[in-house]
N, C-alpha and C. Protein backbone atom coordinates (compact mmCIF):
# COMPACT_ATOMS: atom_id res chain seq x y z
N MET A 1 79.18 101.74 135.32
CA MET A 1 78.73 100.54 135.87
C MET A 1 77.43 100.29 134.75
N ILE A 2 77.54 98.90 134.27
CA ILE A 2 76.65 98.19 133.77
C ILE A 2 75.61 97.55 134.69
N PRO A 3 74.35 97.39 134.51
CA PRO A 3 73.55 96.76 135.23
C PRO A 3 73.06 95.79 135.34
N GLU A 4 72.81 94.62 135.73
CA GLU A 4 72.39 93.03 135.14
C GLU A 4 71.67 92.96 134.65
N ARG A 5 71.36 92.50 133.35
CA ARG A 5 70.29 92.88 132.50
C ARG A 5 69.92 91.36 131.81
N PRO A 6 69.02 90.57 131.89
CA PRO A 6 69.18 89.14 131.47
C PRO A 6 68.64 88.86 130.04
N PHE A 7 68.50 90.15 129.28
CA PHE A 7 67.87 90.12 127.77
C PHE A 7 69.85 89.82 127.18
N PHE A 8 70.80 90.42 128.03
CA PHE A 8 71.98 90.10 127.36
C PHE A 8 72.53 89.15 127.58
N ASP A 9 71.83 88.81 128.64
CA ASP A 9 72.60 87.25 129.05
C ASP A 9 72.75 86.06 127.96
N LYS A 10 72.14 85.99 127.28
CA LYS A 10 71.96 85.41 125.98
C LYS A 10 73.35 85.82 124.71
N PHE A 11 73.66 86.88 124.85
CA PHE A 11 74.46 87.14 123.82
C PHE A 11 76.30 87.17 124.29
N SER A 12 76.02 86.71 125.60
CA SER A 12 77.67 86.89 126.25
C SER A 12 78.09 85.27 126.69
N PRO A 13 79.34 84.85 126.21
CA PRO A 13 80.46 85.89 125.85
C PRO A 13 80.00 85.94 124.70
N PRO A 14 80.74 87.22 123.65
CA PRO A 14 80.69 86.76 122.68
C PRO A 14 81.40 85.67 121.43
N THR A 15 80.68 85.28 120.93
CA THR A 15 81.55 84.35 120.06
C THR A 15 82.52 84.65 119.33
N ASP A 16 82.97 83.43 118.17
CA ASP A 16 83.87 84.10 117.27
C ASP A 16 83.07 84.28 115.93
N LYS A 17 82.13 83.64 115.84
CA LYS A 17 81.21 84.35 114.79
C LYS A 17 80.62 85.66 114.84
N MET A 18 80.37 86.25 116.19
CA MET A 18 80.38 87.21 115.92
C MET A 18 81.27 88.45 115.94
N MET A 19 82.75 87.87 116.27
CA MET A 19 83.59 89.06 116.27
C MET A 19 83.95 89.32 114.78
N LEU A 20 83.60 87.78 114.19
CA LEU A 20 84.22 88.07 112.79
C LEU A 20 83.11 88.69 112.29
N PHE A 21 81.95 88.71 112.18
CA PHE A 21 80.83 89.46 111.67
C PHE A 21 80.75 90.72 111.81
N THR A 22 81.40 91.10 113.05
CA THR A 22 81.68 92.64 113.57
C THR A 22 82.82 93.27 112.83
N VAL A 23 84.30 92.67 112.66
CA VAL A 23 84.84 93.35 112.05
C VAL A 23 84.62 93.35 110.32
N ILE A 24 83.85 92.17 109.60
CA ILE A 24 83.81 92.66 108.63
C ILE A 24 82.71 93.07 108.09
N GLY A 25 81.74 93.61 108.58
CA GLY A 25 80.73 94.64 108.75
C GLY A 25 81.85 96.42 108.90
N ILE A 26 82.27 96.15 109.69
CA ILE A 26 83.84 97.59 110.14
C ILE A 26 84.79 97.97 109.04
N ALA A 27 84.65 96.86 108.26
CA ALA A 27 85.83 96.55 107.26
C ALA A 27 84.88 97.11 106.13
N PHE A 28 83.92 96.53 105.73
CA PHE A 28 83.26 96.82 104.63
C PHE A 28 82.97 98.15 104.65
N THR A 29 82.21 98.63 105.80
CA THR A 29 82.00 100.39 106.18
C THR A 29 82.53 101.32 105.80
N ALA A 30 84.13 100.79 106.35
CA ALA A 30 85.30 101.45 106.29
C ALA A 30 85.81 101.87 104.72
N ILE A 31 85.89 100.72 103.96
CA ILE A 31 86.12 100.38 102.43
C ILE A 31 84.91 101.27 101.67
N SER A 32 83.26 101.36 102.23
CA SER A 32 82.76 101.81 101.28
C SER A 32 83.00 103.43 101.42
N CYS A 33 82.97 103.84 102.50
CA CYS A 33 83.21 104.99 102.81
C CYS A 33 84.34 105.75 101.90
N LEU A 34 85.28 104.79 102.08
CA LEU A 34 86.51 105.28 101.08
C LEU A 34 86.49 105.54 100.26
N LEU A 35 85.85 104.68 99.38
CA LEU A 35 85.26 104.47 97.70
C LEU A 35 84.51 105.64 97.50
N SER A 36 83.54 105.44 98.74
CA SER A 36 82.66 106.26 97.64
C SER A 36 83.21 108.44 98.33
N ALA A 37 83.99 108.78 99.12
CA ALA A 37 84.82 109.59 98.66
C ALA A 37 85.61 109.94 97.65
N ALA A 38 86.49 108.76 97.67
CA ALA A 38 87.50 109.07 96.43
C ALA A 38 86.52 109.16 95.25
N PHE A 39 85.31 108.93 94.96
CA PHE A 39 84.34 108.82 93.67
C PHE A 39 83.60 110.13 93.79
N TYR A 40 83.25 110.37 95.20
CA TYR A 40 83.07 111.97 94.87
C TYR A 40 84.26 113.04 94.63
N GLU A 41 85.11 113.25 95.26
CA GLU A 41 86.15 113.84 94.50
C GLU A 41 86.16 114.19 93.21
N LYS A 42 85.93 112.97 92.21
CA LYS A 42 86.55 113.24 91.24
C LYS A 42 85.40 113.90 90.01
N LYS A 43 83.89 113.79 91.09
CA LYS A 43 83.10 114.08 90.10
C LYS A 43 83.29 115.54 89.44
N ASP A 44 82.51 115.91 88.67
CA ASP A 44 82.52 117.31 88.18
C ASP A 44 81.24 117.75 88.10
N ILE A 45 80.96 118.97 89.32
CA ILE A 45 79.31 119.23 89.11
C ILE A 45 79.11 120.62 88.61
């Protein structure tokens, strides 16, 4: 159960722009992690 917080009332309900930026951020993070893992395996130490 989430208590009532007036601070979060300014941000609800989530808008389409917020959802778009969230999806883009998650996708960018996932792609960068996959690319860094792929390049890290190719590195000769």
